[in-house]
Amino acid sequence: MFDGNNFTAFLKRYEREARVFELDEYAMAMQIGRFVKTEELKQELEAMDGYDDAQWDILRPAMMELWGERDNTILHTQQDLIDLSGKLAKKGGLATVQEYKTYLGKFSAILTYLIKKAAPSQRRRLISIPNSIFTNKSEEH
């Protein structure tokens, strides 16, 4: 079960089990959602390329890019959230459900990372970031 940690180890186990049960790549893509623990991670998975059409060769690299092993380098900053929202505003907003899913997946991944890496005293401020970004954008209009 993938809980947001040690994705590479999880993926190795998942692929090994898939071979044991002789699953093809289509079945692997169809089944992986059952092994993702939280609703947030499932939403991220559902927003990934290759998920809707069960294309393992596209889905696997998308999962690695988002969830793959990470070292101690800083992957995201608060500015990344602001930049992501700024790109959305510059584009004129979201036009489709798929764009929303993609945006939500990226935004959630960055925010989750920042919250996990933050000191306890900073977490409350980070949790309020989505509200402040959307409040600032709506005040401009």
N, C-alpha and C. Protein backbone atom coordinates (compact mmCIF):
# COMPACT_ATOMS: atom_id res chain seq x y z
N MET A 1 0.85 -1.17 0.00
CA MET A 1 0.00 0.00 0.00
C MET A 1 0.90 1.24 0.00
N PHE A 2 0.67 2.14 -0.96
CA PHE A 2 1.46 3.37 -1.04
C PHE A 2 0.81 4.45 -0.19
N ASP A 3 1.57 4.95 0.79
CA ASP A 3 1.06 5.96 1.72
C ASP A 3 1.69 7.33 1.52
N GLY A 4 2.43 7.50 0.43
CA GLY A 4 3.08 8.78 0.16
C GLY A 4 4.57 8.75 0.44
N ASN A 5 5.07 7.65 0.97
CA ASN A 5 6.49 7.52 1.30
C ASN A 5 7.08 6.32 0.56
N ASN A 6 8.37 6.42 0.25
CA ASN A 6 9.12 5.31 -0.35
C ASN A 6 8.45 4.74 -1.59
N PHE A 7 8.13 5.62 -2.53
CA PHE A 7 7.42 5.18 -3.73
C PHE A 7 8.20 4.16 -4.53
N THR A 8 9.50 4.35 -4.68
CA THR A 8 10.29 3.43 -5.49
C THR A 8 10.22 2.02 -4.93
N ALA A 9 10.32 1.87 -3.62
CA ALA A 9 10.20 0.54 -3.00
C ALA A 9 8.81 -0.03 -3.23
N PHE A 10 7.79 0.80 -3.07
CA PHE A 10 6.42 0.34 -3.32
C PHE A 10 6.27 -0.13 -4.76
N LEU A 11 6.79 0.65 -5.71
CA LEU A 11 6.65 0.32 -7.12
C LEU A 11 7.35 -1.00 -7.46
N LYS A 12 8.52 -1.23 -6.88
CA LYS A 12 9.22 -2.51 -7.11
C LYS A 12 8.38 -3.67 -6.62
N ARG A 13 7.79 -3.54 -5.43
CA ARG A 13 6.93 -4.61 -4.90
C ARG A 13 5.70 -4.80 -5.78
N TYR A 14 5.10 -3.70 -6.19
CA TYR A 14 3.89 -3.77 -7.02
C TYR A 14 4.18 -4.48 -8.35
N GLU A 15 5.28 -4.10 -8.99
CA GLU A 15 5.62 -4.72 -10.28
C GLU A 15 6.00 -6.19 -10.11
N ARG A 16 6.65 -6.53 -9.01
CA ARG A 16 6.99 -7.93 -8.74
C ARG A 16 5.71 -8.76 -8.57
N GLU A 17 4.78 -8.25 -7.79
CA GLU A 17 3.51 -8.95 -7.59
C GLU A 17 2.73 -9.07 -8.90
N ALA A 18 2.78 -8.04 -9.72
CA ALA A 18 2.09 -8.08 -11.01
C ALA A 18 2.65 -9.19 -11.89
N ARG A 19 3.96 -9.38 -11.85
CA ARG A 19 4.57 -10.48 -12.61
C ARG A 19 4.12 -11.83 -12.08
N VAL A 20 4.06 -11.96 -10.76
CA VAL A 20 3.61 -13.22 -10.14
C VAL A 20 2.20 -13.57 -10.62
N PHE A 21 1.34 -12.56 -10.69
CA PHE A 21 -0.04 -12.79 -11.11
C PHE A 21 -0.24 -12.65 -12.61
N GLU A 22 0.87 -12.51 -13.33
CA GLU A 22 0.88 -12.43 -14.79
C GLU A 22 -0.04 -11.33 -15.34
N LEU A 23 0.01 -10.17 -14.70
CA LEU A 23 -0.77 -9.03 -15.16
C LEU A 23 -0.05 -8.34 -16.31
N ASP A 24 -0.80 -7.93 -17.31
CA ASP A 24 -0.19 -7.14 -18.38
C ASP A 24 -0.19 -5.66 -17.94
N GLU A 25 0.40 -4.80 -18.77
CA GLU A 25 0.54 -3.40 -18.39
C GLU A 25 -0.81 -2.70 -18.24
N TYR A 26 -1.78 -3.09 -19.06
CA TYR A 26 -3.12 -2.51 -18.93
C TYR A 26 -3.70 -2.83 -17.55
N ALA A 27 -3.61 -4.08 -17.14
CA ALA A 27 -4.14 -4.48 -15.83
C ALA A 27 -3.38 -3.79 -14.70
N MET A 28 -2.07 -3.62 -14.87
CA MET A 28 -1.29 -2.92 -13.83
C MET A 28 -1.79 -1.49 -13.66
N ALA A 29 -2.04 -0.81 -14.78
CA ALA A 29 -2.54 0.57 -14.71
C ALA A 29 -3.94 0.62 -14.11
N MET A 30 -4.76 -0.37 -14.44
CA MET A 30 -6.13 -0.40 -13.92
C MET A 30 -6.17 -0.68 -12.41
N GLN A 31 -5.23 -1.47 -11.91
CA GLN A 31 -5.26 -1.93 -10.52
C GLN A 31 -4.52 -1.03 -9.54
N ILE A 32 -3.61 -0.20 -10.00
CA ILE A 32 -2.73 0.52 -9.07
C ILE A 32 -3.49 1.40 -8.09
N GLY A 33 -4.61 1.94 -8.50
CA GLY A 33 -5.40 2.79 -7.61
C GLY A 33 -5.86 2.09 -6.35
N ARG A 34 -6.01 0.78 -6.41
CA ARG A 34 -6.42 0.00 -5.23
C ARG A 34 -5.34 -0.05 -4.17
N PHE A 35 -4.12 0.27 -4.55
CA PHE A 35 -2.98 0.17 -3.64
C PHE A 35 -2.46 1.53 -3.19
N VAL A 36 -3.24 2.56 -3.45
CA VAL A 36 -2.91 3.92 -3.02
C VAL A 36 -3.78 4.23 -1.81
N LYS A 37 -3.14 4.61 -0.71
CA LYS A 37 -3.81 4.64 0.58
C LYS A 37 -4.79 5.79 0.79
N THR A 38 -4.37 7.01 0.52
CA THR A 38 -5.22 8.15 0.89
C THR A 38 -6.00 8.68 -0.31
N GLU A 39 -7.07 9.37 -0.01
CA GLU A 39 -7.89 9.98 -1.06
C GLU A 39 -7.08 11.05 -1.81
N GLU A 40 -6.25 11.78 -1.11
CA GLU A 40 -5.41 12.81 -1.74
C GLU A 40 -4.47 12.18 -2.77
N LEU A 41 -3.83 11.07 -2.40
CA LEU A 41 -2.94 10.39 -3.34
C LEU A 41 -3.73 9.83 -4.53
N LYS A 42 -4.93 9.34 -4.27
CA LYS A 42 -5.77 8.83 -5.36
C LYS A 42 -6.13 9.95 -6.33
N GLN A 43 -6.41 11.14 -5.81
CA GLN A 43 -6.71 12.27 -6.68
C GLN A 43 -5.49 12.65 -7.52
N GLU A 44 -4.32 12.62 -6.90
CA GLU A 44 -3.09 12.90 -7.66
C GLU A 44 -2.92 11.86 -8.77
N LEU A 45 -3.15 10.59 -8.43
CA LEU A 45 -3.02 9.51 -9.41
C LEU A 45 -4.01 9.71 -10.56
N GLU A 46 -5.25 10.01 -10.24
CA GLU A 46 -6.28 10.19 -11.26
C GLU A 46 -5.99 11.36 -12.19
N ALA A 47 -5.21 12.32 -11.73
CA ALA A 47 -4.87 13.49 -12.55
C ALA A 47 -3.66 13.23 -13.46
N MET A 48 -3.00 12.10 -13.28
CA MET A 48 -1.77 11.83 -14.03
C MET A 48 -2.06 11.36 -15.45
N ASP A 49 -1.14 11.72 -16.35
CA ASP A 49 -1.20 11.22 -17.72
C ASP A 49 -1.12 9.70 -17.69
N GLY A 50 -1.93 9.06 -18.51
CA GLY A 50 -1.90 7.61 -18.61
C GLY A 50 -2.87 6.90 -17.68
N TYR A 51 -3.46 7.63 -16.73
CA TYR A 51 -4.37 6.97 -15.79
C TYR A 51 -5.72 6.66 -16.43
N ASP A 52 -6.36 7.66 -17.02
CA ASP A 52 -7.71 7.47 -17.55
C ASP A 52 -7.78 6.41 -18.64
N ASP A 53 -6.75 6.33 -19.47
CA ASP A 53 -6.76 5.34 -20.54
C ASP A 53 -5.90 4.11 -20.22
N ALA A 54 -5.50 3.98 -18.96
CA ALA A 54 -4.77 2.80 -18.46
C ALA A 54 -3.55 2.46 -19.32
N GLN A 55 -2.71 3.45 -19.55
CA GLN A 55 -1.47 3.24 -20.31
C GLN A 55 -0.29 3.26 -19.34
N TRP A 56 0.14 2.07 -18.94
CA TRP A 56 1.20 1.93 -17.95
C TRP A 56 2.48 2.62 -18.38
N ASP A 57 2.80 2.55 -19.68
CA ASP A 57 4.04 3.15 -20.16
C ASP A 57 4.04 4.67 -20.04
N ILE A 58 2.88 5.27 -19.89
CA ILE A 58 2.77 6.71 -19.66
C ILE A 58 2.57 7.00 -18.18
N LEU A 59 1.76 6.18 -17.52
CA LEU A 59 1.44 6.39 -16.10
C LEU A 59 2.66 6.18 -15.21
N ARG A 60 3.44 5.15 -15.47
CA ARG A 60 4.59 4.84 -14.60
C ARG A 60 5.56 6.03 -14.51
N PRO A 61 5.99 6.62 -15.65
CA PRO A 61 6.89 7.78 -15.54
C PRO A 61 6.24 8.98 -14.84
N ALA A 62 4.93 9.15 -15.02
CA ALA A 62 4.24 10.25 -14.35
C ALA A 62 4.26 10.05 -12.84
N MET A 63 4.07 8.81 -12.39
CA MET A 63 4.13 8.52 -10.96
C MET A 63 5.54 8.73 -10.43
N MET A 64 6.53 8.29 -11.19
CA MET A 64 7.92 8.46 -10.76
C MET A 64 8.26 9.94 -10.64
N GLU A 65 7.78 10.73 -11.59
CA GLU A 65 8.09 12.16 -11.55
C GLU A 65 7.51 12.82 -10.30
N LEU A 66 6.29 12.45 -9.95
CA LEU A 66 5.64 13.09 -8.81
C LEU A 66 6.02 12.45 -7.48
N TRP A 67 6.07 11.13 -7.45
CA TRP A 67 6.22 10.42 -6.18
C TRP A 67 7.58 9.76 -5.99
N GLY A 68 8.44 9.79 -7.00
CA GLY A 68 9.70 9.07 -6.93
C GLY A 68 10.57 9.45 -5.75
N GLU A 69 11.55 8.60 -5.54
CA GLU A 69 12.47 8.84 -4.41
C GLU A 69 13.03 10.25 -4.47
N ARG A 70 13.08 10.87 -3.32
CA ARG A 70 13.58 12.24 -3.23
C ARG A 70 14.72 12.29 -2.23
N ASP A 71 15.72 13.06 -2.57
CA ASP A 71 16.82 13.23 -1.62
C ASP A 71 16.51 14.43 -0.73
N ASN A 72 17.48 14.94 -0.08
CA ASN A 72 17.26 16.04 0.87
C ASN A 72 17.27 17.42 0.22
N THR A 73 17.30 17.47 -1.10
CA THR A 73 17.26 18.78 -1.74
C THR A 73 15.85 19.36 -1.59
N ILE A 74 15.77 20.65 -1.69
CA ILE A 74 14.47 21.32 -1.60
C ILE A 74 13.78 21.18 -2.95
N LEU A 75 12.65 20.51 -2.92
CA LEU A 75 11.92 20.27 -4.16
C LEU A 75 10.96 21.41 -4.50
N HIS A 76 10.37 22.00 -3.47
CA HIS A 76 9.37 23.05 -3.69
C HIS A 76 9.50 24.13 -2.63
N THR A 77 9.05 25.33 -3.00
CA THR A 77 8.97 26.44 -2.05
C THR A 77 7.57 27.04 -2.15
N GLN A 78 7.26 27.94 -1.24
CA GLN A 78 5.96 28.61 -1.29
C GLN A 78 5.79 29.38 -2.60
N GLN A 79 6.89 29.86 -3.13
CA GLN A 79 6.83 30.59 -4.39
C GLN A 79 6.32 29.70 -5.52
N ASP A 80 6.59 28.40 -5.45
CA ASP A 80 6.08 27.47 -6.47
C ASP A 80 4.55 27.47 -6.50
N LEU A 81 3.93 27.55 -5.33
CA LEU A 81 2.46 27.61 -5.27
C LEU A 81 1.95 28.90 -5.89
N ILE A 82 2.61 29.99 -5.57
CA ILE A 82 2.21 31.29 -6.10
C ILE A 82 2.41 31.31 -7.62
N ASP A 83 3.54 30.77 -8.09
CA ASP A 83 3.81 30.73 -9.53
C ASP A 83 2.78 29.88 -10.27
N LEU A 84 2.43 28.73 -9.68
CA LEU A 84 1.45 27.84 -10.30
C LEU A 84 0.10 28.55 -10.43
N SER A 85 -0.31 29.24 -9.38
CA SER A 85 -1.57 29.98 -9.42
C SER A 85 -1.48 31.16 -10.38
N GLY A 86 -0.31 31.79 -10.45
CA GLY A 86 -0.11 32.90 -11.38
C GLY A 86 -0.24 32.46 -12.83
N LYS A 87 0.31 31.29 -13.14
CA LYS A 87 0.18 30.75 -14.50
C LYS A 87 -1.29 30.51 -14.84
N LEU A 88 -2.02 30.00 -13.87
CA LEU A 88 -3.44 29.75 -14.07
C LEU A 88 -4.19 31.06 -14.33
N ALA A 89 -3.88 32.08 -13.54
CA ALA A 89 -4.54 33.38 -13.71
C ALA A 89 -4.20 33.99 -15.06
N LYS A 90 -2.92 33.90 -15.45
CA LYS A 90 -2.47 34.46 -16.72
C LYS A 90 -3.18 33.77 -17.90
N LYS A 91 -3.43 32.48 -17.74
CA LYS A 91 -4.09 31.69 -18.77
C LYS A 91 -5.58 32.01 -18.85
N GLY A 92 -6.11 32.61 -17.79
CA GLY A 92 -7.52 32.95 -17.79
C GLY A 92 -8.38 31.96 -17.02
N GLY A 93 -7.76 31.09 -16.25
CA GLY A 93 -8.52 30.13 -15.44
C GLY A 93 -8.51 28.74 -16.04
N LEU A 94 -9.38 27.93 -15.50
CA LEU A 94 -9.49 26.54 -15.92
C LEU A 94 -10.66 26.38 -16.88
N ALA A 95 -10.43 25.66 -17.97
CA ALA A 95 -11.48 25.49 -18.97
C ALA A 95 -12.14 24.12 -18.93
N THR A 96 -11.41 23.11 -18.43
CA THR A 96 -11.95 21.74 -18.45
C THR A 96 -11.74 21.07 -17.10
N VAL A 97 -12.46 19.99 -16.92
CA VAL A 97 -12.29 19.19 -15.70
C VAL A 97 -10.88 18.62 -15.64
N GLN A 98 -10.34 18.19 -16.77
CA GLN A 98 -9.00 17.63 -16.80
C GLN A 98 -7.97 18.68 -16.38
N GLU A 99 -8.13 19.92 -16.84
CA GLU A 99 -7.22 20.98 -16.41
C GLU A 99 -7.30 21.18 -14.90
N TYR A 100 -8.53 21.12 -14.36
CA TYR A 100 -8.71 21.25 -12.91
C TYR A 100 -8.00 20.12 -12.17
N LYS A 101 -8.17 18.89 -12.65
CA LYS A 101 -7.53 17.74 -12.00
C LYS A 101 -6.01 17.88 -12.04
N THR A 102 -5.49 18.31 -13.18
CA THR A 102 -4.05 18.48 -13.31
C THR A 102 -3.55 19.56 -12.36
N TYR A 103 -4.24 20.70 -12.34
CA TYR A 103 -3.87 21.79 -11.45
C TYR A 103 -3.94 21.34 -9.99
N LEU A 104 -5.04 20.71 -9.61
CA LEU A 104 -5.22 20.26 -8.23
C LEU A 104 -4.13 19.27 -7.84
N GLY A 105 -3.79 18.36 -8.74
CA GLY A 105 -2.73 17.39 -8.45
C GLY A 105 -1.40 18.06 -8.19
N LYS A 106 -1.05 19.01 -9.04
CA LYS A 106 0.22 19.73 -8.87
C LYS A 106 0.21 20.57 -7.60
N PHE A 107 -0.88 21.32 -7.41
CA PHE A 107 -0.98 22.19 -6.24
C PHE A 107 -0.92 21.36 -4.95
N SER A 108 -1.68 20.27 -4.91
CA SER A 108 -1.72 19.42 -3.72
C SER A 108 -0.36 18.79 -3.43
N ALA A 109 0.32 18.36 -4.48
CA ALA A 109 1.63 17.74 -4.29
C ALA A 109 2.62 18.74 -3.69
N ILE A 110 2.62 19.96 -4.20
CA ILE A 110 3.53 20.98 -3.67
C ILE A 110 3.17 21.32 -2.23
N LEU A 111 1.89 21.57 -1.98
CA LEU A 111 1.46 21.94 -0.63
C LEU A 111 1.73 20.82 0.37
N THR A 112 1.46 19.59 -0.01
CA THR A 112 1.72 18.45 0.88
C THR A 112 3.20 18.36 1.21
N TYR A 113 4.04 18.53 0.21
CA TYR A 113 5.49 18.50 0.43
C TYR A 113 5.90 19.60 1.41
N LEU A 114 5.41 20.81 1.19
CA LEU A 114 5.77 21.93 2.07
C LEU A 114 5.32 21.69 3.50
N ILE A 115 4.12 21.16 3.67
CA ILE A 115 3.61 20.90 5.01
C ILE A 115 4.44 19.83 5.71
N LYS A 116 4.79 18.76 4.98
CA LYS A 116 5.59 17.69 5.58
C LYS A 116 6.97 18.18 6.00
N LYS A 117 7.55 19.08 5.22
CA LYS A 117 8.91 19.55 5.49
C LYS A 117 8.96 20.72 6.46
N ALA A 118 7.83 21.33 6.73
CA ALA A 118 7.80 22.53 7.58
C ALA A 118 7.91 22.19 9.05
N ALA A 119 8.44 23.13 9.79
CA ALA A 119 8.44 23.03 11.25
C ALA A 119 6.99 23.14 11.72
N PRO A 120 6.66 22.49 12.83
CA PRO A 120 5.27 22.55 13.31
C PRO A 120 4.72 23.97 13.43
N SER A 121 5.55 24.91 13.80
CA SER A 121 5.08 26.29 13.96
C SER A 121 4.72 26.94 12.62
N GLN A 122 5.22 26.41 11.51
CA GLN A 122 4.95 27.00 10.20
C GLN A 122 3.79 26.32 9.47
N ARG A 123 3.35 25.17 9.95
CA ARG A 123 2.33 24.40 9.23
C ARG A 123 1.00 25.15 9.10
N ARG A 124 0.58 25.82 10.16
CA ARG A 124 -0.70 26.54 10.12
C ARG A 124 -0.69 27.60 9.00
N ARG A 125 0.42 28.30 8.87
CA ARG A 125 0.54 29.32 7.82
C ARG A 125 0.48 28.68 6.44
N LEU A 126 1.13 27.53 6.28
CA LEU A 126 1.12 26.85 4.99
C LEU A 126 -0.28 26.37 4.62
N ILE A 127 -1.00 25.88 5.60
CA ILE A 127 -2.34 25.37 5.33
C ILE A 127 -3.26 26.50 4.85
N SER A 128 -2.99 27.72 5.25
CA SER A 128 -3.83 28.86 4.83
C SER A 128 -3.44 29.40 3.46
N ILE A 129 -2.38 28.93 2.86
CA ILE A 129 -1.93 29.45 1.56
C ILE A 129 -3.00 29.34 0.47
N PRO A 130 -3.68 28.20 0.30
CA PRO A 130 -4.68 28.16 -0.78
C PRO A 130 -5.72 29.26 -0.65
N ASN A 131 -6.19 29.53 0.55
CA ASN A 131 -7.17 30.60 0.74
C ASN A 131 -6.61 31.96 0.37
N SER A 132 -5.37 32.23 0.78
CA SER A 132 -4.79 33.54 0.49
C SER A 132 -4.55 33.73 -1.00
N ILE A 133 -4.16 32.67 -1.70
CA ILE A 133 -3.93 32.79 -3.14
C ILE A 133 -5.24 33.08 -3.86
N PHE A 134 -6.28 32.32 -3.54
CA PHE A 134 -7.54 32.52 -4.23
C PHE A 134 -8.22 33.82 -3.81
N THR A 135 -8.04 34.24 -2.57
CA THR A 135 -8.59 35.51 -2.12
C THR A 135 -7.94 36.66 -2.88
N ASN A 136 -6.60 36.62 -3.00
CA ASN A 136 -5.89 37.68 -3.72
C ASN A 136 -6.33 37.75 -5.18
N LYS A 137 -6.50 36.61 -5.81
CA LYS A 137 -6.90 36.58 -7.21
C LYS A 137 -8.32 37.12 -7.38
N SER A 138 -9.23 36.74 -6.49
CA SER A 138 -10.61 37.18 -6.64
C SER A 138 -10.75 38.67 -6.33
N GLU A 139 -9.89 39.22 -5.48
CA GLU A 139 -9.94 40.64 -5.17
C GLU A 139 -9.49 41.49 -6.34
N GLU A 140 -8.66 40.90 -7.23
CA GLU A 140 -8.16 41.66 -8.37
C GLU A 140 -9.26 41.89 -9.41
N HIS A 141 -10.29 41.05 -9.41
CA HIS A 141 -11.34 41.14 -10.45
C HIS A 141 -12.51 41.95 -10.01
